Structure formats: C-alpha cells, structure tokens
C-alpha cells in the first residue's frame, strides 16, 4: 500500500519534471488557453441575483401537540403534514406554483426598467430584446430555429395574453424563466426564499419584489376565497332583507298613522299583523347582518401574514463566475492539456507515423 503511494508520488514528480523540461510547450498551451479564456470571460454575460426572504404565518391547523410533533419531525427532514391541515396550498408546493406555465405567463406584462435606462418595458419584451448571448451560442440558436416546427399560435392578444394559446417562442421563454425565477422553502423553518437571476440587476430586483407580492396575493386569494364568497352571499341576503324590512316598516307606520284614533277591532288586528311581519323581517335582516359580519371577520382571520425578513434590493455584485475565475480555469485546462499532449497524445501520433 505504502509502496503504491510512493510510486504515485514519484510518477507525479516525474511528470512535473518532464513538463518543466519542455517549458516552451507548456508556455504555448498556457498562452493559447489564456487567450481562449479571455474571449470566453469577456463574452459571457454577467448574471445578477436578487433575493427576497419571507417567513409565513402558520395556519391555525398547526397549533397544539400536532404542530409540536411536526416541528420535531421536520428537524429530521420528516414532514407529518400537521402544519397545513387547513390548506391545500402549503409552503412546500410554492416552487411548483412558480414553475407553472400559467403563473409564468402572468408575469409577461410586468413593467420593468434597466439599471441604466429608466424607460419602462414589459418583462417579456426585456427577455426578447435585452438578453445578450455569447457568440458561440449563435450557431446552436440558428440551427434550433431552422429545425423548429412551424408555429401557428399567436404570440398574444390585443387585450393581453391569451390564457389558452401560447406561441412556441413564449413556451421556450417560460421554460427559461422557470430556471431563473426560483422559490425555495426551508422544510425545517418554512422560510421562503425567492431569487431572480437576470443580466440586469434592476430587473432582478423588480421581479423579485413582484414575485413576493404575487405569491402573497395568490395565497391570500386562495385562503380567503371561501370566506369572501360567504361574505358576498350574506351581504346580498342582508341587503334584500333590509329592503323587505323597510318595506314592511313603511307599511306598518303608514297604516298605524292613518288609523291612530280608530277603535275598530279589525284595524287593531291588521295593525298587529303588520307589526308582526315587520318584526319578522327585522329578525331576518339582523340575522343576515350578523352572518355577514362573521364572514367579514373570517376573511380577516384567514388572511395570511408574511413577515419580510429581507426585501428586494438591486445587487451590485454579479452572482455568476468572475472573469478572473474563468481565466484561471482556462490556465489550469492549458496545463492539463499540455500534460495530456506530452504524456499520451504526442506518443500516439509518433507511434501512428512509424506504423
């Protein structure tokens, strides 16, 4: 074992000595790969990442012993599902919402502006017109364009985006967006991290802020939908009951005023009948009003609260690999290529020539 280790060390040392003896070849490889590295480094667009971190309110279904057990289990990476018993949409599926075509398509019309240009444009126009590509990707793009099937779907409608039809180009844009608009949920803490990658830092910040607002609106709309439907229903019934009550009240007051001095029994009976109907109408009105107030309170109760831990800020430092790092990688590749040339490739070519 030790002998093999020593042999390997000797082989590496021998290889280094061999490379240094042929230092001119090494310099040529390093210069060539440095030149390639410079071209790659200066032609690769910078990517900026903006982040938003949210802490969602836990639903009431996660209170008590079940929640404590779920919290203990989550620390070991196990989800018992006790935290979100009231919701079909819970934090773990937020990333699926972000990657859905419907959600991504709804972002096409978001207004954005560049760091060095305050002119507003839609997000989809920014992706189509402002996105830069390295020159070596153009042959691939040209080939893929030629091989694309004919696209007869419209790219949109006058009034906005067609929810049922999407062009092939827009579908590809949605696929690219799904890679740059990321939502991550920590299973232990349920902390939500929304990150956006873009070539322009201002666009990244605007979209990160838009995404957190859209997500909050989406979840709020879902959780309060039933309560809002109930509120609208009871509000309608209350207004109808109020009209009926006022109608009965008007009839009773009118009849009572016009027969104030009457001593006829029939008049008293009719007045009592009108008063009874008015009282019944009021009871219905009061009940509907109470039900409406309860539904309104339910909306507030079901509205989730999100605590903003980190808001969207324009990043100044690129999140992509730096040009220096790219250059160093290519210099290392040059050294490896030189070692491969001296050790294997050159011997192979010499052997082939002899044969």
Protein backbone atom coordinates (compact mmCIF):
# COMPACT_ATOMS: atom_id res chain seq x y z
CA UNK A 1 0.00 0.00 0.00
CA UNK A 2 2.76 2.40 1.03
CA UNK A 3 4.83 1.29 -1.96
CA UNK A 4 1.97 2.13 -4.37
CA UNK A 5 1.58 5.54 -2.70
CA UNK A 6 5.31 6.22 -3.14
CA UNK A 7 5.17 5.13 -6.78
CA UNK A 8 2.25 7.52 -7.42
CA UNK A 9 4.17 10.37 -5.78
CA UNK A 10 7.22 9.55 -7.90
CA UNK A 11 5.05 9.46 -11.05
CA UNK A 12 3.58 12.91 -10.31
CA UNK A 13 7.01 14.36 -9.55
CA UNK A 14 8.42 12.77 -12.70
CA UNK A 15 5.54 14.24 -14.75
CA UNK A 16 6.13 17.73 -13.33
CA UNK A 17 9.86 17.46 -14.09
CA UNK A 18 9.05 16.32 -17.61
CA UNK A 19 6.67 19.25 -18.15
CA UNK A 20 9.21 21.73 -16.83
CA UNK A 21 11.87 20.35 -19.16
CA UNK A 22 9.57 21.13 -22.07
CA UNK A 23 8.57 24.51 -20.64
CA UNK A 24 8.26 26.09 -24.08
CA UNK A 25 5.42 23.71 -24.95
CA UNK A 26 3.81 24.45 -21.58
CA UNK A 27 4.02 28.20 -22.23
CA UNK A 28 2.42 27.75 -25.67
CA UNK A 29 -0.51 25.82 -24.17
CA UNK A 30 -0.95 28.34 -21.35
CA UNK A 31 -0.87 31.29 -23.77
CA UNK A 32 -3.35 29.60 -26.12
CA UNK A 33 -5.77 28.68 -23.33
CA UNK A 34 -5.36 32.11 -21.71
CA UNK A 35 -6.41 33.71 -25.00
CA UNK A 36 -9.43 31.40 -25.19
CA UNK A 37 -10.20 32.14 -21.54
CA UNK A 38 -10.13 35.89 -22.15
CA UNK A 39 -12.50 35.54 -25.09
CA UNK A 40 -14.89 33.39 -23.04
CA UNK A 41 -14.67 35.62 -19.95
CA UNK A 42 -15.39 38.86 -21.80
CA UNK A 43 -18.16 37.38 -23.96
CA UNK A 44 -20.08 35.64 -21.17
CA UNK A 45 -22.85 37.96 -19.88
CA UNK A 46 -22.83 38.71 -16.16
CA UNK A 47 -25.74 37.39 -14.10
CA UNK A 48 -27.12 39.22 -11.07
CA UNK A 49 -29.28 37.63 -8.37
CA UNK A 50 -31.85 39.47 -6.24
CA UNK A 51 -33.39 37.73 -3.23
CA UNK A 52 -36.43 38.12 -1.02
CA UNK A 53 -36.82 36.15 2.22
CA UNK A 54 -40.26 35.71 3.81
CA UNK A 55 -41.46 33.99 6.97
CA UNK A 56 -45.10 32.90 6.54
CA UNK A 57 -47.68 32.78 9.32
CA UNK A 58 -48.52 29.22 10.29
CA UNK A 59 -52.18 28.31 9.81
CA UNK A 60 -54.36 27.56 12.84
CA UNK A 61 -54.39 23.94 11.82
CA UNK A 62 -50.78 23.73 13.01
CA UNK A 63 -51.40 24.65 16.65
CA UNK A 64 -51.10 22.34 19.60
CA UNK A 65 -49.47 18.94 20.02
CA UNK A 66 -49.71 18.06 16.32
CA UNK A 67 -47.70 21.15 15.44
CA UNK A 68 -45.06 20.35 18.07
CA UNK A 69 -44.69 16.82 16.74
CA UNK A 70 -44.50 18.16 13.18
CA UNK A 71 -41.80 20.64 14.21
CA UNK A 72 -39.77 17.89 15.89
CA UNK A 73 -40.13 15.65 12.84
CA UNK A 74 -39.19 18.46 10.45
CA UNK A 75 -35.86 18.88 12.25
CA UNK A 76 -35.05 15.35 11.00
CA UNK A 77 -36.34 16.15 7.49
CA UNK A 78 -39.68 14.38 8.02
CA UNK A 79 -42.95 16.15 7.18
CA UNK A 80 -46.00 14.90 9.09
CA UNK A 81 -48.30 17.37 7.37
CA UNK A 82 -49.81 18.67 10.62
CA UNK A 83 -48.91 22.28 9.97
CA UNK A 84 -51.11 22.81 6.96
CA UNK A 85 -54.18 20.72 7.65
CA UNK A 86 -56.40 23.67 6.74
CA UNK A 87 -54.77 24.42 3.40
CA UNK A 88 -54.42 22.51 0.16
CA UNK A 89 -51.73 25.04 -0.82
CA UNK A 90 -48.89 24.86 1.68
CA UNK A 91 -45.31 26.23 1.52
CA UNK A 92 -43.78 23.04 0.12
CA UNK A 93 -45.67 23.43 -3.18
CA UNK A 94 -44.87 27.13 -3.70
CA UNK A 95 -41.97 26.15 -6.03
CA UNK A 96 -44.50 24.24 -8.18
CA UNK A 97 -46.60 27.40 -8.45
CA UNK A 98 -43.53 29.32 -9.64
CA UNK A 99 -42.76 26.76 -12.34
CA UNK A 100 -46.33 26.55 -13.66
CA UNK A 101 -46.86 27.98 -17.15
CA UNK A 102 -49.96 29.90 -16.03
CA UNK A 103 -48.03 31.72 -13.30
CA UNK A 104 -45.04 32.43 -15.56
CA UNK A 105 -47.29 33.63 -18.38
CA UNK A 106 -48.94 36.08 -15.97
CA UNK A 107 -45.54 37.75 -15.49
CA UNK A 108 -45.13 38.67 -19.16
CA UNK A 109 -46.80 42.07 -18.70
CA UNK A 110 -44.88 43.12 -15.56
CA UNK A 111 -43.31 46.55 -16.11
CA UNK A 112 -39.53 46.62 -15.62
CA UNK A 113 -36.72 49.10 -16.22
CA UNK A 114 -32.98 48.68 -16.63
CA UNK A 115 -30.25 49.95 -14.32
CA UNK A 116 -29.02 52.44 -16.93
CA UNK A 117 -32.33 53.03 -18.71
CA UNK A 118 -35.49 54.21 -16.93
CA UNK A 119 -37.68 53.52 -19.95
CA UNK A 120 -40.37 51.05 -18.92
CA UNK A 121 -40.92 47.87 -20.90
CA UNK A 122 -42.71 44.60 -20.25
CA UNK A 123 -40.73 41.71 -18.82
CA UNK A 124 -41.27 39.58 -21.93
CA UNK A 125 -40.00 42.43 -24.16
CA UNK A 126 -36.94 42.70 -21.92
CA UNK A 127 -36.26 38.96 -22.26
CA UNK A 128 -36.72 39.10 -26.04
CA UNK A 129 -34.77 42.29 -26.79
CA UNK A 130 -32.31 42.94 -23.96
CA UNK A 131 -30.94 39.46 -23.32
CA UNK A 132 -27.35 39.00 -24.51
CA UNK A 133 -25.87 35.70 -25.65
CA UNK A 134 -22.22 34.63 -26.10
CA UNK A 135 -21.20 34.47 -29.75
CA UNK A 136 -20.57 30.71 -29.64
CA UNK A 137 -24.24 30.10 -28.89
CA UNK A 138 -25.42 31.67 -32.16
CA UNK A 139 -24.77 28.60 -34.38
CA UNK A 140 -26.80 26.47 -31.98
CA UNK A 141 -29.60 29.05 -31.88
CA UNK A 142 -29.60 29.32 -35.66
CA UNK A 143 -29.75 25.54 -36.04
CA UNK A 144 -32.56 25.21 -33.49
CA UNK A 145 -34.50 27.96 -35.26
CA UNK A 146 -34.20 26.09 -38.56
CA UNK A 147 -35.29 22.80 -37.01
CA UNK A 148 -38.28 24.27 -35.15
CA UNK A 149 -41.73 23.10 -36.23
CA UNK A 150 -43.99 25.73 -37.78
CA UNK A 151 -45.67 27.79 -35.07
CA UNK A 152 -49.19 28.91 -35.96
CA UNK A 153 -50.16 30.06 -32.46
CA UNK A 154 -50.44 33.83 -31.92
CA UNK A 155 -47.89 35.46 -29.63
CA UNK A 156 -50.65 37.23 -27.74
CA UNK A 157 -53.89 39.12 -27.98
CA UNK A 158 -54.69 42.82 -28.21
CA UNK A 159 -56.19 42.81 -24.75
CA UNK A 160 -53.30 40.91 -23.22
CA UNK A 161 -52.12 37.30 -23.02
CA UNK A 162 -54.31 34.52 -24.39
CA UNK A 163 -54.78 32.09 -21.46
CA UNK A 164 -55.48 29.12 -23.76
CA UNK A 165 -52.91 29.56 -26.52
CA UNK A 166 -49.22 30.25 -26.25
CA UNK A 167 -46.66 30.51 -29.02
CA UNK A 168 -43.64 28.23 -29.22
CA UNK A 169 -41.34 31.18 -28.54
CA UNK A 170 -43.30 32.12 -25.42
CA UNK A 171 -43.27 28.49 -24.27
CA UNK A 172 -39.46 28.49 -24.55
CA UNK A 173 -39.33 31.79 -22.67
CA UNK A 174 -41.45 30.23 -19.90
CA UNK A 175 -39.01 27.33 -19.71
CA UNK A 176 -36.08 29.77 -19.39
CA UNK A 177 -37.99 31.81 -16.78
CA UNK A 178 -38.58 28.68 -14.69
CA UNK A 179 -34.78 28.33 -14.42
CA UNK A 180 -34.21 31.95 -13.32
CA UNK A 181 -37.25 32.54 -11.05
CA UNK A 182 -36.64 30.28 -8.07
CA UNK A 183 -38.66 29.71 -4.91
CA UNK A 184 -37.06 27.65 -2.13
CA UNK A 185 -38.84 26.63 1.07
CA UNK A 186 -36.87 25.50 4.12
CA UNK A 187 -38.60 22.36 5.42
CA UNK A 188 -37.49 22.98 9.00
CA UNK A 189 -38.45 26.65 9.35
CA UNK A 190 -40.88 27.11 6.39
CA UNK A 191 -38.80 30.17 5.48
CA UNK A 192 -39.43 31.17 1.85
CA UNK A 193 -36.53 32.40 -0.29
CA UNK A 194 -37.41 33.90 -3.67
CA UNK A 195 -34.48 34.54 -6.02
CA UNK A 196 -34.37 36.01 -9.51
CA UNK A 197 -31.43 35.80 -11.93
CA UNK A 198 -31.12 38.38 -14.68
CA UNK A 199 -28.45 40.11 -16.73
CA UNK A 200 -29.66 43.47 -15.39
CA UNK A 201 -29.56 43.97 -11.59
CA UNK A 202 -32.52 46.39 -11.52
CA UNK A 203 -34.75 43.94 -13.41
CA UNK A 204 -33.72 41.18 -11.00
CA UNK A 205 -34.76 43.34 -8.01
CA UNK A 206 -38.06 44.43 -9.59
CA UNK A 207 -39.01 40.87 -10.47
CA UNK A 208 -38.06 39.55 -7.01
CA UNK A 209 -40.33 42.16 -5.41
CA UNK A 210 -43.10 41.39 -7.92
CA UNK A 211 -42.85 37.66 -7.25
CA UNK A 212 -43.17 38.03 -3.48
CA UNK A 213 -46.22 40.30 -3.91
CA UNK A 214 -47.78 37.93 -6.46
CA UNK A 215 -47.17 34.95 -4.18
CA UNK A 216 -48.74 36.71 -1.20
CA UNK A 217 -51.74 37.75 -3.32
CA UNK A 218 -52.08 34.22 -4.72
CA UNK A 219 -52.05 32.59 -1.27
CA UNK A 220 -54.32 35.27 0.24
CA UNK A 221 -56.80 34.86 -2.60
CA UNK A 222 -56.83 31.09 -2.14
CA UNK A 223 -57.18 31.11 1.65
CA UNK A 224 -59.91 33.79 1.73
CA UNK A 225 -61.87 32.63 -1.33
CA UNK A 226 -64.50 30.67 0.65
CA UNK A 227 -64.88 33.45 3.25
CA UNK A 228 -65.20 36.11 0.52
CA UNK A 229 -67.84 34.02 -1.27
CA UNK A 230 -69.75 33.67 2.00
CA UNK A 231 -69.42 37.40 2.67
CA UNK A 232 -70.78 38.32 -0.78
CA UNK A 233 -73.64 35.83 -0.35
CA UNK A 234 -74.67 37.11 3.10
CA UNK A 235 -74.20 40.72 2.02
CA UNK A 236 -76.65 40.13 -0.83
CA UNK A 237 -79.16 38.44 1.51
CA UNK A 238 -78.76 41.22 4.09
CA UNK A 239 -79.48 43.92 1.51
CA UNK A 240 -82.54 42.03 0.29
CA UNK A 241 -83.71 41.56 3.91
CA UNK A 242 -83.10 45.25 4.61
CA UNK A 243 -85.30 46.27 1.67
CA UNK A 244 -88.06 43.90 2.81
CA UNK A 245 -87.80 45.18 6.39
CA UNK A 246 -88.03 48.82 5.26
CA UNK A 247 -90.97 47.91 3.06
CA UNK A 248 -92.78 46.21 5.99
CA UNK A 249 -91.83 49.07 8.30
CA UNK A 250 -93.20 51.64 5.86
CA UNK A 251 -96.50 49.76 5.56
CA UNK A 252 -96.83 49.40 9.33
CA UNK A 253 -96.00 53.07 10.06
CA UNK A 254 -98.29 54.29 7.30
CA UNK A 255 -101.22 52.15 8.46
CA UNK A 256 -100.62 53.00 12.14
CA UNK A 257 -100.50 56.75 11.48
CA UNK A 258 -103.62 56.71 9.33
CA UNK A 259 -105.64 54.69 11.89
CA UNK A 260 -104.25 56.19 15.10
CA UNK A 261 -107.67 57.05 16.64
CA UNK A 262 -109.50 54.01 15.34
CA UNK A 263 -111.22 51.74 17.89
CA UNK A 264 -112.25 49.04 15.44
CA UNK A 265 -111.04 45.56 16.32
CA UNK A 266 -110.33 44.73 12.68
CA UNK A 267 -107.99 47.71 12.48
CA UNK A 268 -106.12 46.58 15.60
CA UNK A 269 -105.79 43.03 14.25
CA UNK A 270 -104.45 44.27 10.91
CA UNK A 271 -102.02 46.61 12.69
CA UNK A 272 -100.73 43.74 14.85
CA UNK A 273 -100.32 41.61 11.71
CA UNK A 274 -98.27 44.34 10.03
CA UNK A 275 -96.18 44.79 13.19
CA UNK A 276 -95.54 41.04 13.36
CA UNK A 277 -94.43 40.96 9.71
CA UNK A 278 -92.17 43.97 10.34
CA UNK A 279 -90.62 42.26 13.38
CA UNK A 280 -90.06 39.04 11.43
CA UNK A 281 -88.45 41.00 8.58
CA UNK A 282 -86.19 42.75 11.09
CA UNK A 283 -85.14 39.45 12.65
CA UNK A 284 -84.18 38.12 9.21
CA UNK A 285 -82.31 41.35 8.47
CA UNK A 286 -80.49 41.25 11.83
CA UNK A 287 -79.56 37.57 11.32
CA UNK A 288 -78.18 38.22 7.82
CA UNK A 289 -76.27 41.26 9.09
CA UNK A 290 -74.71 39.13 11.84
CA UNK A 291 -73.81 36.37 9.35
CA UNK A 292 -72.24 38.94 7.04
CA UNK A 293 -70.15 40.38 9.89
CA UNK A 294 -69.00 36.86 10.82
CA UNK A 295 -67.98 36.19 7.20
CA UNK A 296 -66.12 39.51 7.13
CA UNK A 297 -64.27 38.57 10.31
CA UNK A 298 -63.47 35.19 8.75
CA UNK A 299 -61.81 36.94 5.80
CA UNK A 300 -59.50 38.76 8.20
CA UNK A 301 -58.89 35.57 10.15
CA UNK A 302 -57.99 33.61 7.02
CA UNK A 303 -55.76 36.33 5.53
CA UNK A 304 -52.17 35.09 5.97
CA UNK A 305 -49.45 37.34 7.33
CA UNK A 306 -45.97 37.24 5.80
CA UNK A 307 -43.03 38.69 7.70
CA UNK A 308 -40.47 40.27 5.39
CA UNK A 309 -37.02 39.18 6.56
CA UNK A 310 -35.16 40.54 3.53
CA UNK A 311 -36.72 42.82 0.93
CA UNK A 312 -35.67 43.02 -2.72
CA UNK A 313 -32.57 45.15 -3.29
CA UNK A 314 -30.64 45.77 -6.50
CA UNK A 315 -27.45 43.67 -6.37
CA UNK A 316 -24.18 45.38 -7.25
CA UNK A 317 -22.02 42.26 -7.41
CA UNK A 318 -22.61 39.64 -10.10
CA UNK A 319 -23.54 36.19 -8.86
CA UNK A 320 -22.07 34.50 -11.93
CA UNK A 321 -18.46 33.30 -12.09
CA UNK A 322 -15.98 36.18 -12.21
CA UNK A 323 -13.79 36.78 -15.26
CA UNK A 324 -10.67 36.12 -13.20
CA UNK A 325 -12.01 32.74 -12.08
CA UNK A 326 -12.84 31.86 -15.70
CA UNK A 327 -9.32 32.86 -16.76
CA UNK A 328 -7.72 30.75 -14.00
CA UNK A 329 -9.84 27.74 -15.01
CA UNK A 330 -8.63 28.00 -18.61
CA UNK A 331 -5.00 28.36 -17.48
CA UNK A 332 -5.44 25.16 -15.46
CA UNK A 333 -7.01 23.49 -18.50
CA UNK A 334 -3.97 24.60 -20.50
CA UNK A 335 -1.65 22.86 -18.03
CA UNK A 336 -3.78 19.71 -18.15
CA UNK A 337 -3.85 19.79 -21.96
CA UNK A 338 -0.06 20.18 -22.03
CA UNK A 339 0.35 17.20 -19.70
CA UNK A 340 -2.01 15.12 -21.85
CA UNK A 341 -0.12 16.14 -25.01
CA UNK A 342 3.30 15.24 -23.66
CA UNK A 343 2.23 12.06 -21.86
CA UNK A 344 -0.27 10.46 -24.25
CA UNK A 345 -1.24 12.32 -27.41
CA UNK A 346 2.22 13.05 -28.79
CA UNK A 347 3.31 9.44 -28.21
CA UNK A 348 0.20 8.22 -30.01
CA UNK A 349 0.88 10.42 -33.07
CA UNK A 350 4.53 9.34 -33.20
CA UNK A 351 3.52 5.70 -32.98
CA UNK A 352 0.95 6.19 -35.76
CA UNK A 353 3.54 7.83 -38.03
CA UNK A 354 6.00 4.97 -37.53
CA UNK A 355 3.37 2.43 -38.48
